[in-house]
N, C-alpha and C. Protein backbone atom coordinates (compact mmCIF):
# COMPACT_ATOMS: atom_id res chain seq x y z
N UNK A 1 -37.90 6.76 -13.15
CA UNK A 1 -36.95 7.58 -13.80
C UNK A 1 -37.64 8.50 -12.82
N UNK A 2 -39.10 8.83 -12.70
CA UNK A 2 -39.37 9.38 -12.15
C UNK A 2 -39.48 10.06 -10.28
N UNK A 3 -38.41 9.53 -10.12
CA UNK A 3 -38.09 9.49 -8.95
C UNK A 3 -36.73 10.34 -8.78
N UNK A 4 -36.02 10.14 -9.44
CA UNK A 4 -34.58 10.77 -9.72
C UNK A 4 -34.37 12.39 -10.50
N UNK A 5 -34.14 13.27 -9.72
CA UNK A 5 -33.95 14.66 -10.41
C UNK A 5 -32.61 14.17 -10.99
N UNK A 6 -32.34 15.20 -12.19
CA UNK A 6 -30.75 14.65 -12.38
C UNK A 6 -30.00 16.04 -11.49
N UNK A 7 -30.59 17.09 -11.15
CA UNK A 7 -29.92 18.68 -10.69
C UNK A 7 -29.72 18.34 -9.28
N UNK A 8 -31.04 16.83 -8.79
CA UNK A 8 -30.13 16.99 -7.06
C UNK A 8 -29.59 15.53 -6.99
N UNK A 9 -29.32 14.81 -8.21
CA UNK A 9 -28.84 13.02 -7.98
C UNK A 9 -27.27 13.13 -7.21
N UNK A 10 -27.56 12.44 -6.35
CA UNK A 10 -25.89 12.25 -6.04
C UNK A 10 -25.44 11.07 -5.59
N UNK A 11 -24.80 10.75 -6.95
CA UNK A 11 -24.24 9.43 -7.54
C UNK A 11 -24.33 8.17 -5.82
N UNK A 12 -23.14 8.89 -4.98
CA UNK A 12 -23.12 8.14 -4.28
C UNK A 12 -24.23 7.78 -3.36
N UNK A 13 -25.30 8.47 -3.30
CA UNK A 13 -26.22 7.76 -2.82
C UNK A 13 -26.83 6.40 -3.31
N UNK A 14 -26.85 6.31 -4.32
CA UNK A 14 -26.67 5.11 -5.40
C UNK A 14 -26.09 3.74 -4.96
N UNK A 15 -25.07 4.13 -4.50
CA UNK A 15 -23.89 3.29 -4.67
C UNK A 15 -23.50 2.85 -3.55
N UNK A 16 -23.37 1.31 -2.64
CA UNK A 16 -23.48 0.90 -2.13
C UNK A 16 -21.84 0.92 -1.88
N UNK A 17 -20.73 1.41 -0.97
CA UNK A 17 -19.06 0.99 -0.91
C UNK A 17 -18.97 -0.48 -0.83
N UNK A 18 -18.20 -0.86 -0.71
CA UNK A 18 -17.02 -2.54 -0.56
C UNK A 18 -16.23 -2.23 -0.25
N UNK A 19 -16.14 -3.13 0.94
CA UNK A 19 -14.58 -3.17 1.04
C UNK A 19 -13.75 -3.66 0.22
N UNK A 20 -12.38 -3.12 0.20
CA UNK A 20 -11.86 -4.34 -0.49
C UNK A 20 -11.05 -5.45 -0.10
N UNK A 21 -11.65 -5.80 -1.14
CA UNK A 21 -10.56 -7.31 -1.13
C UNK A 21 -9.64 -8.11 -0.56
N UNK A 22 -8.90 -6.98 -1.49
CA UNK A 22 -7.28 -7.05 -1.38
C UNK A 22 -6.31 -5.57 -0.83
N UNK A 23 -5.53 -5.77 0.00
CA UNK A 23 -4.59 -4.36 -0.02
C UNK A 23 -3.04 -4.42 -0.47
N UNK A 24 -2.64 -4.08 -2.16
CA UNK A 24 -1.67 -3.96 -2.80
C UNK A 24 -0.51 -3.41 -1.94
N UNK A 25 0.73 -4.54 -1.87
CA UNK A 25 1.95 -4.15 -1.30
C UNK A 25 2.86 -4.03 -2.34
N UNK A 26 2.39 -4.28 -3.65
CA UNK A 26 3.45 -4.10 -4.28
C UNK A 26 2.97 -4.86 -5.51
N UNK A 27 3.44 -4.21 -6.84
CA UNK A 27 3.09 -4.38 -8.11
C UNK A 27 3.95 -4.22 -9.23
N UNK A 28 3.71 -4.65 -10.28
CA UNK A 28 4.55 -4.50 -11.58
C UNK A 28 3.55 -4.68 -12.62
N UNK A 29 3.31 -4.44 -14.07
CA UNK A 29 2.40 -4.74 -14.69
C UNK A 29 3.58 -4.90 -16.32
N UNK A 30 3.67 -5.93 -16.59
CA UNK A 30 4.64 -6.69 -17.90
C UNK A 30 4.49 -6.60 -18.93
N UNK A 31 4.43 -6.43 -20.57
CA UNK A 31 4.11 -6.80 -21.25
C UNK A 31 3.00 -8.30 -21.60
N UNK A 32 3.84 -8.73 -20.79
CA UNK A 32 2.86 -10.33 -21.24
C UNK A 32 2.68 -10.97 -19.96
N UNK A 33 2.89 -9.94 -18.58
CA UNK A 33 2.74 -10.89 -17.06
C UNK A 33 2.46 -10.03 -16.39
N UNK A 34 2.15 -9.85 -14.97
CA UNK A 34 2.20 -9.38 -14.20
C UNK A 34 2.77 -10.08 -12.86
N UNK A 35 3.52 -9.03 -11.61
CA UNK A 35 3.47 -9.70 -10.74
C UNK A 35 2.60 -8.72 -9.31
N UNK A 36 2.31 -9.25 -8.65
CA UNK A 36 1.16 -8.33 -6.95
C UNK A 36 1.39 -9.10 -6.20
N UNK A 37 1.98 -8.41 -4.84
CA UNK A 37 1.92 -9.17 -3.54
C UNK A 37 0.88 -8.04 -3.13
N UNK A 38 0.13 -9.33 -2.83
CA UNK A 38 -1.23 -8.78 -2.13
C UNK A 38 -1.29 -8.84 -1.15
N UNK A 39 -2.12 -8.41 0.05
CA UNK A 39 -2.47 -8.90 1.54
C UNK A 39 -4.28 -8.95 1.08
N UNK A 40 -4.85 -9.90 1.39
CA UNK A 40 -6.50 -10.14 1.78
C UNK A 40 -6.86 -9.14 3.76
N UNK A 41 -7.90 -8.57 2.58
CA UNK A 41 -8.79 -7.94 3.73
C UNK A 41 -9.70 -8.60 4.52
N UNK A 42 -10.81 -9.64 3.74
CA UNK A 42 -11.23 -10.48 3.97
C UNK A 42 -10.55 -12.49 3.42
N UNK A 43 -10.96 -12.92 4.26
CA UNK A 43 -11.14 -14.30 4.06
C UNK A 43 -11.32 -14.94 2.73
N UNK A 44 -10.09 -15.61 2.02
CA UNK A 44 -10.90 -15.85 0.83
C UNK A 44 -10.33 -14.65 -0.32
N UNK A 45 -9.92 -13.33 0.16
CA UNK A 45 -9.88 -12.28 -0.31
C UNK A 45 -8.88 -11.94 -1.88
N UNK A 46 -8.12 -12.33 -1.67
CA UNK A 46 -6.83 -12.80 -3.08
C UNK A 46 -7.57 -14.09 -3.66
N UNK A 47 -8.15 -14.70 -3.65
CA UNK A 47 -8.98 -15.43 -4.52
C UNK A 47 -10.10 -15.36 -5.12
N UNK A 48 -10.70 -14.61 -4.53
CA UNK A 48 -12.40 -13.57 -4.69
C UNK A 48 -11.22 -12.54 -6.24
N UNK A 49 -10.61 -11.92 -5.23
CA UNK A 49 -9.79 -10.89 -6.26
C UNK A 49 -9.37 -11.45 -8.10
N UNK A 50 -8.74 -12.16 -7.36
CA UNK A 50 -8.31 -12.59 -9.16
C UNK A 50 -9.12 -13.15 -9.76
N UNK A 51 -9.85 -13.92 -9.65
CA UNK A 51 -10.92 -14.86 -9.50
C UNK A 51 -11.71 -13.36 -10.42
N UNK A 52 -12.42 -12.18 -10.40
CA UNK A 52 -12.52 -11.33 -10.84
C UNK A 52 -11.83 -9.95 -11.56
N UNK A 53 -10.30 -9.90 -12.03
CA UNK A 53 -9.96 -9.78 -12.72
C UNK A 53 -9.37 -10.26 -14.03
N UNK A 54 -9.38 -11.90 -13.78
CA UNK A 54 -8.93 -12.22 -14.43
C UNK A 54 -10.29 -12.77 -15.42
N UNK A 55 -11.29 -13.12 -15.08
CA UNK A 55 -12.55 -13.46 -15.53
C UNK A 55 -12.79 -11.68 -16.22
N UNK A 56 -12.43 -10.55 -15.68
CA UNK A 56 -13.06 -9.38 -16.12
C UNK A 56 -11.74 -8.99 -17.24
N UNK A 57 -10.80 -9.27 -16.99
CA UNK A 57 -9.86 -8.78 -18.51
C UNK A 57 -10.32 -9.90 -19.40
N UNK A 58 -10.30 -11.17 -19.87
CA UNK A 58 -10.78 -11.85 -20.52
C UNK A 58 -11.87 -11.49 -20.93
N UNK A 59 -13.11 -11.27 -20.21
CA UNK A 59 -14.45 -11.09 -20.70
C UNK A 59 -13.87 -9.73 -22.25
N UNK A 60 -13.14 -9.05 -21.37
CA UNK A 60 -13.21 -7.23 -22.15
C UNK A 60 -11.80 -7.92 -23.29
N UNK A 61 -10.77 -8.46 -23.15
CA UNK A 61 -10.33 -8.91 -24.36
C UNK A 61 -10.81 -9.27 -25.54
N UNK A 62 -11.75 -10.65 -24.61
CA UNK A 62 -12.44 -11.75 -26.04
C UNK A 62 -13.23 -10.21 -26.89
N UNK A 63 -13.78 -9.37 -26.22
CA UNK A 63 -15.11 -8.61 -26.89
C UNK A 63 -14.23 -7.95 -27.81
N UNK A 64 -13.28 -7.17 -26.79
CA UNK A 64 -12.35 -6.07 -28.07
C UNK A 64 -11.76 -7.02 -29.40
N UNK A 65 -11.52 -8.34 -29.38
CA UNK A 65 -10.44 -9.00 -30.50
C UNK A 65 -11.57 -9.76 -31.23
N UNK A 66 -12.07 -10.07 -30.34
CA UNK A 66 -13.87 -10.52 -31.36
C UNK A 66 -13.48 -12.27 -31.54
N UNK A 67 -13.45 -12.94 -30.42
CA UNK A 67 -12.87 -14.17 -29.93
C UNK A 67 -13.25 -14.51 -29.16
N UNK A 68 -12.86 -15.68 -28.04
CA UNK A 68 -13.47 -16.90 -27.28
C UNK A 68 -12.50 -17.57 -26.63
N UNK A 69 -13.14 -18.04 -25.43
CA UNK A 69 -12.28 -18.66 -24.98
C UNK A 69 -11.19 -18.47 -23.83
N UNK A 70 -10.38 -19.14 -23.67
CA UNK A 70 -9.59 -19.18 -22.47
C UNK A 70 -8.37 -18.12 -22.91
N UNK A 71 -8.10 -16.57 -21.61
CA UNK A 71 -7.09 -16.38 -22.52
C UNK A 71 -5.53 -16.71 -21.39
N UNK A 72 -5.64 -17.27 -20.06
CA UNK A 72 -4.53 -16.79 -19.87
C UNK A 72 -4.39 -18.86 -19.95
N UNK A 73 -3.06 -19.03 -19.44
CA UNK A 73 -2.45 -20.79 -19.83
C UNK A 73 -3.05 -21.73 -18.47
N UNK A 74 -2.86 -20.96 -18.18
CA UNK A 74 -3.22 -21.22 -15.97
C UNK A 74 -3.49 -20.53 -14.60
N UNK A 75 -4.20 -21.20 -13.78
CA UNK A 75 -4.38 -20.31 -12.44
C UNK A 75 -3.72 -19.33 -12.23
N UNK A 76 -3.51 -18.42 -11.11
CA UNK A 76 -2.48 -17.61 -10.91
C UNK A 76 -1.85 -18.59 -9.18
N UNK A 77 -0.77 -18.10 -9.79
CA UNK A 77 -0.20 -18.75 -8.62
C UNK A 77 0.23 -17.97 -7.43
N UNK A 78 0.14 -18.47 -6.30
CA UNK A 78 0.52 -18.12 -4.92
C UNK A 78 1.45 -18.67 -3.79
N UNK A 79 1.85 -17.35 -3.07
CA UNK A 79 2.66 -18.19 -2.23
C UNK A 79 2.57 -17.41 -0.60
N UNK A 80 2.28 -18.04 -0.01
CA UNK A 80 2.42 -17.47 1.61
C UNK A 80 3.94 -16.55 1.70
N UNK A 81 3.77 -16.01 2.23
CA UNK A 81 4.81 -14.02 2.45
C UNK A 81 4.48 -14.62 4.05
N UNK A 82 6.01 -15.47 4.76
CA UNK A 82 5.84 -15.46 5.98
C UNK A 82 6.52 -14.78 7.14
N UNK A 83 7.70 -13.26 6.51
CA UNK A 83 8.58 -13.22 7.07
C UNK A 83 9.15 -11.43 7.03
N UNK A 84 9.19 -10.53 7.90
CA UNK A 84 9.69 -9.29 7.39
C UNK A 84 10.29 -9.35 5.94
N UNK A 85 11.54 -10.48 6.25
CA UNK A 85 12.75 -10.54 5.63
C UNK A 85 11.98 -10.56 4.01
N UNK A 86 11.16 -12.14 3.76
CA UNK A 86 10.83 -12.56 2.46
C UNK A 86 9.89 -11.52 1.30
N UNK A 87 9.09 -10.62 3.10
CA UNK A 87 8.63 -9.25 2.58
C UNK A 87 9.59 -7.83 1.75
N UNK A 88 9.98 -7.28 1.74
CA UNK A 88 11.27 -7.10 1.74
C UNK A 88 12.09 -7.74 0.64
N UNK A 89 12.68 -8.59 -0.14
CA UNK A 89 13.12 -9.82 -1.40
C UNK A 89 12.00 -9.44 -2.24
N UNK A 90 10.75 -9.81 -1.51
CA UNK A 90 9.42 -10.32 -2.94
C UNK A 90 9.75 -8.27 -3.36
N UNK A 91 9.82 -7.57 -2.25
CA UNK A 91 8.92 -5.92 -3.23
C UNK A 91 10.06 -5.94 -4.14
N UNK A 92 11.54 -5.82 -3.67
CA UNK A 92 12.83 -5.62 -4.30
C UNK A 92 12.20 -6.71 -6.23
N UNK A 93 12.06 -8.20 -5.55
CA UNK A 93 11.85 -8.79 -6.91
C UNK A 93 10.43 -8.36 -7.72
N UNK A 94 9.98 -7.64 -6.90
CA UNK A 94 8.75 -7.02 -8.23
C UNK A 94 9.38 -6.19 -8.62
N UNK A 95 10.20 -4.92 -8.11
CA UNK A 95 10.50 -3.87 -8.59
C UNK A 95 11.48 -4.09 -9.62
N UNK A 96 12.05 -4.91 -9.42
CA UNK A 96 13.16 -5.20 -10.33
C UNK A 96 12.83 -5.89 -11.01
N UNK A 97 11.57 -6.50 -11.63
CA UNK A 97 11.31 -7.51 -12.81
C UNK A 97 11.43 -6.42 -13.50
N UNK A 98 10.63 -5.40 -14.44
CA UNK A 98 11.10 -4.77 -15.27
C UNK A 98 12.44 -4.46 -16.25
N UNK A 99 13.33 -4.83 -15.48
CA UNK A 99 14.81 -4.33 -15.73
C UNK A 99 14.79 -4.76 -17.12
N UNK A 100 14.15 -5.63 -17.55
CA UNK A 100 14.82 -6.61 -19.09
C UNK A 100 14.32 -5.87 -19.93
N UNK A 101 13.12 -5.03 -19.59
CA UNK A 101 12.65 -3.89 -20.69
C UNK A 101 13.64 -3.17 -21.23
N UNK A 102 14.58 -2.79 -20.29
CA UNK A 102 15.21 -1.64 -20.25
C UNK A 102 17.16 -2.52 -20.98
N UNK A 103 16.84 -3.28 -20.33
CA UNK A 103 18.84 -3.60 -20.14
C UNK A 103 19.21 -3.21 -21.50
N UNK A 104 18.75 -3.65 -22.88
CA UNK A 104 19.10 -3.88 -23.70
C UNK A 104 19.54 -3.08 -24.79
N UNK A 105 18.84 -1.40 -23.88
CA UNK A 105 18.60 -0.35 -24.83
C UNK A 105 19.40 0.57 -24.34
N UNK A 106 19.59 0.39 -23.13
CA UNK A 106 20.35 1.32 -22.15
C UNK A 106 21.88 1.05 -21.64
N UNK A 107 22.40 2.09 -22.37
CA UNK A 107 23.80 1.69 -22.12
C UNK A 107 24.21 2.04 -20.33
N UNK A 108 24.35 2.90 -19.90
CA UNK A 108 24.86 3.18 -19.07
C UNK A 108 23.66 2.30 -16.98
N UNK A 109 24.50 1.89 -15.96
CA UNK A 109 23.87 1.87 -15.02
C UNK A 109 22.79 2.94 -14.83
N UNK A 110 23.99 4.27 -14.62
CA UNK A 110 22.83 5.20 -14.23
C UNK A 110 21.58 5.36 -15.34
N UNK A 111 21.60 5.22 -16.48
CA UNK A 111 20.25 5.26 -16.92
C UNK A 111 19.25 4.26 -16.68
N UNK A 112 19.82 3.20 -16.76
CA UNK A 112 18.88 1.96 -16.23
C UNK A 112 18.40 2.09 -15.38
N UNK A 113 18.85 2.55 -14.20
CA UNK A 113 18.32 2.92 -13.34
C UNK A 113 17.24 3.48 -12.71
N UNK A 114 17.68 4.83 -13.31
CA UNK A 114 15.98 5.59 -13.76
C UNK A 114 15.06 5.06 -14.15
N UNK A 115 15.35 4.80 -15.38
CA UNK A 115 14.37 3.68 -16.05
C UNK A 115 13.31 3.31 -15.19
N UNK A 116 14.23 2.32 -14.74
CA UNK A 116 13.41 1.64 -13.32
C UNK A 116 12.62 2.12 -12.23
N UNK A 117 13.18 3.20 -12.26
CA UNK A 117 12.92 4.16 -11.17
C UNK A 117 11.41 4.72 -11.74
N UNK A 118 11.50 5.32 -12.66
CA UNK A 118 10.16 5.94 -13.49
C UNK A 118 9.40 4.79 -14.10
N UNK A 119 9.42 3.73 -14.07
CA UNK A 119 8.42 2.83 -15.08
C UNK A 119 7.41 3.04 -14.22
N UNK A 120 6.13 3.53 -14.99
CA UNK A 120 5.02 3.62 -14.61
C UNK A 120 3.91 2.81 -13.91
N UNK A 121 4.31 1.64 -14.67
CA UNK A 121 3.63 0.37 -14.41
C UNK A 121 3.69 0.25 -13.00
N UNK A 122 4.67 0.38 -12.43
CA UNK A 122 5.23 -0.29 -10.73
C UNK A 122 4.88 0.21 -9.78
N UNK A 123 4.40 -0.37 -8.53
CA UNK A 123 4.19 0.40 -6.72
C UNK A 123 6.00 1.28 -7.08
N UNK A 124 6.91 1.13 -7.50
CA UNK A 124 7.33 1.31 -7.20
C UNK A 124 8.31 3.18 -6.70
N UNK A 125 7.51 3.77 -8.39
CA UNK A 125 7.60 4.94 -7.58
C UNK A 125 7.00 5.51 -6.46
N UNK A 126 5.78 4.88 -6.40
CA UNK A 126 5.14 5.14 -4.99
C UNK A 126 5.75 4.81 -3.64
N UNK A 127 6.65 3.97 -3.68
CA UNK A 127 7.98 3.55 -2.83
C UNK A 127 8.77 4.50 -2.52
N UNK A 128 9.24 4.64 -3.45
CA UNK A 128 10.54 5.91 -3.49
C UNK A 128 9.55 7.03 -3.15
N UNK A 129 8.28 7.94 -2.89
CA UNK A 129 7.81 8.95 -2.67
C UNK A 129 7.76 9.51 -3.60
N UNK A 130 7.04 9.21 -4.77
CA UNK A 130 6.69 9.78 -6.02
C UNK A 130 5.10 9.20 -6.32
N UNK A 131 5.22 9.18 -7.45
CA UNK A 131 3.11 9.27 -7.15
C UNK A 131 3.78 8.43 -9.08
N UNK A 132 2.76 6.73 -9.04
CA UNK A 132 2.60 6.49 -10.47
C UNK A 132 1.18 5.71 -9.82
N UNK A 133 1.53 5.12 -11.56
CA UNK A 133 -0.09 4.19 -11.42
C UNK A 133 -0.54 3.77 -10.92
N UNK A 134 -0.03 3.21 -9.52
CA UNK A 134 -0.75 2.38 -8.48
C UNK A 134 -0.58 3.37 -7.08
N UNK A 135 -0.75 4.89 -7.51
CA UNK A 135 -0.78 5.86 -6.43
C UNK A 135 -2.21 5.33 -5.03
N UNK A 136 -3.17 5.07 -5.98
CA UNK A 136 -4.31 4.53 -5.53
C UNK A 136 -4.16 3.15 -4.25
N UNK A 137 -3.19 2.89 -4.58
CA UNK A 137 -3.51 1.59 -4.04
C UNK A 137 -2.41 1.06 -2.67
N UNK A 138 -2.28 2.10 -2.24
CA UNK A 138 -2.19 2.26 -0.84
C UNK A 138 -0.29 1.10 -0.47
N UNK A 139 0.33 1.15 -1.62
CA UNK A 139 1.98 0.36 -1.37
C UNK A 139 2.10 0.99 -0.36
N UNK A 140 2.47 2.55 -0.02
CA UNK A 140 3.51 3.05 0.84
C UNK A 140 3.32 3.23 1.86
N UNK A 141 1.81 3.03 2.45
CA UNK A 141 1.55 2.56 3.25
C UNK A 141 2.06 1.01 4.29
N UNK A 142 2.25 -0.12 3.02
CA UNK A 142 2.76 -1.46 3.57
C UNK A 142 4.61 -1.10 3.40
N UNK A 143 4.74 -0.37 2.45
CA UNK A 143 6.59 0.18 2.76
C UNK A 143 6.98 0.32 4.30
N UNK A 144 5.75 1.03 4.59
CA UNK A 144 6.18 2.34 6.09
C UNK A 144 5.98 1.08 7.34
N UNK A 145 4.40 0.36 6.92
CA UNK A 145 4.17 -0.16 8.64
C UNK A 145 5.20 -1.52 7.85
N UNK A 146 4.73 -2.40 7.06
CA UNK A 146 5.20 -3.45 7.45
C UNK A 146 7.02 -3.80 6.66
N UNK A 147 7.48 -3.37 6.42
CA UNK A 147 8.76 -2.95 6.40
C UNK A 147 9.66 -2.12 6.86
N UNK A 148 8.45 -0.89 7.43
CA UNK A 148 9.44 -0.55 8.75
C UNK A 148 10.21 0.85 7.82
N UNK A 149 10.47 1.21 6.68
CA UNK A 149 11.32 1.89 6.09
C UNK A 149 9.91 3.38 5.56
N UNK A 150 10.67 4.26 5.07
CA UNK A 150 10.19 5.64 4.94
C UNK A 150 11.03 5.78 3.13
N UNK A 151 10.18 6.64 2.25
CA UNK A 151 10.98 6.70 1.00
C UNK A 151 12.47 6.81 0.75
N UNK A 152 12.58 7.57 1.75
CA UNK A 152 14.31 7.53 1.62
C UNK A 152 14.82 6.47 1.73
N UNK A 153 14.81 5.67 2.93
CA UNK A 153 15.49 4.25 3.09
C UNK A 153 15.09 3.37 2.79
N UNK A 154 14.02 3.68 1.49
CA UNK A 154 13.21 2.21 0.90
C UNK A 154 14.51 3.07 -0.69
N UNK A 155 14.53 3.84 -1.03
CA UNK A 155 15.32 4.34 -1.75
C UNK A 155 17.00 3.93 -2.26
N UNK A 156 17.26 3.95 -1.06
CA UNK A 156 19.37 3.83 -0.05
C UNK A 156 19.04 1.85 -0.28
N UNK A 157 17.96 1.35 0.31
CA UNK A 157 17.82 -0.19 0.17
C UNK A 157 17.37 -0.26 -1.64
N UNK A 158 17.15 0.27 -2.37
CA UNK A 158 16.88 0.20 -3.62
C UNK A 158 18.06 -0.23 -4.80
N UNK A 159 18.91 1.17 -4.16
CA UNK A 159 19.77 1.71 -5.01
C UNK A 159 21.19 0.47 -4.24
N UNK A 160 21.10 0.27 -3.17
CA UNK A 160 21.77 -1.27 -2.96
C UNK A 160 21.95 -2.00 -3.36
N UNK A 161 20.53 -3.04 -3.72
CA UNK A 161 20.17 -4.18 -4.05
C UNK A 161 20.29 -3.49 -5.71
N UNK A 162 20.00 -2.92 -6.36
CA UNK A 162 20.34 -2.83 -7.96
C UNK A 162 21.97 -2.80 -8.35
N UNK A 163 22.83 -1.92 -7.24
CA UNK A 163 23.88 -2.01 -7.34
C UNK A 163 24.48 -2.74 -7.45
N UNK A 164 24.22 -4.08 -6.41
CA UNK A 164 25.13 -5.03 -6.49
C UNK A 164 24.70 -6.01 -7.11
N UNK A 165 23.52 -5.91 -7.60
CA UNK A 165 23.17 -6.62 -8.55
C UNK A 165 23.62 -6.34 -10.18
N UNK A 166 23.14 -4.94 -10.82
CA UNK A 166 23.83 -4.20 -11.97
C UNK A 166 25.26 -3.32 -12.46
N UNK A 167 25.73 -2.82 -11.68
CA UNK A 167 26.71 -2.71 -11.26
C UNK A 167 28.21 -3.22 -11.99
N UNK A 168 28.34 -2.77 -13.19
CA UNK A 168 29.11 -3.37 -13.86
C UNK A 168 31.15 -3.47 -13.46
């Protein structure tokens, strides 16, 4: 304690920055599950990241609800993305996954589209040029660099897919 002067203490001097294990390409959090499209920054990065997230959340949940034991039914499932076309499909799947949350509640396709585009627990607002809860995760960099689309082009791509699936 006598080494630290609270007035001159710089917290960044105490912390050693670590390289992120993964980058987020797309994400959507649902009430009972989640979808993550991750790209590894280091060998084994996705497995290490998922282990940290699942273990940390289980500990938090168990303490909060005064319980113990497993929280998740099984380990996470992963699939390699081997083409840009599949990457585009996967981002659309993730971004449209929460349509079911609104489909029964909202009457028109326009209302449904607006609700889906503004869902705060998805990277879709970031892909469309806005900002959501995932804004710090660089999803828009993936959209630009891998999919080769700017925000307006992705918006058109999204609307085309949305209309083909949900237009009456």
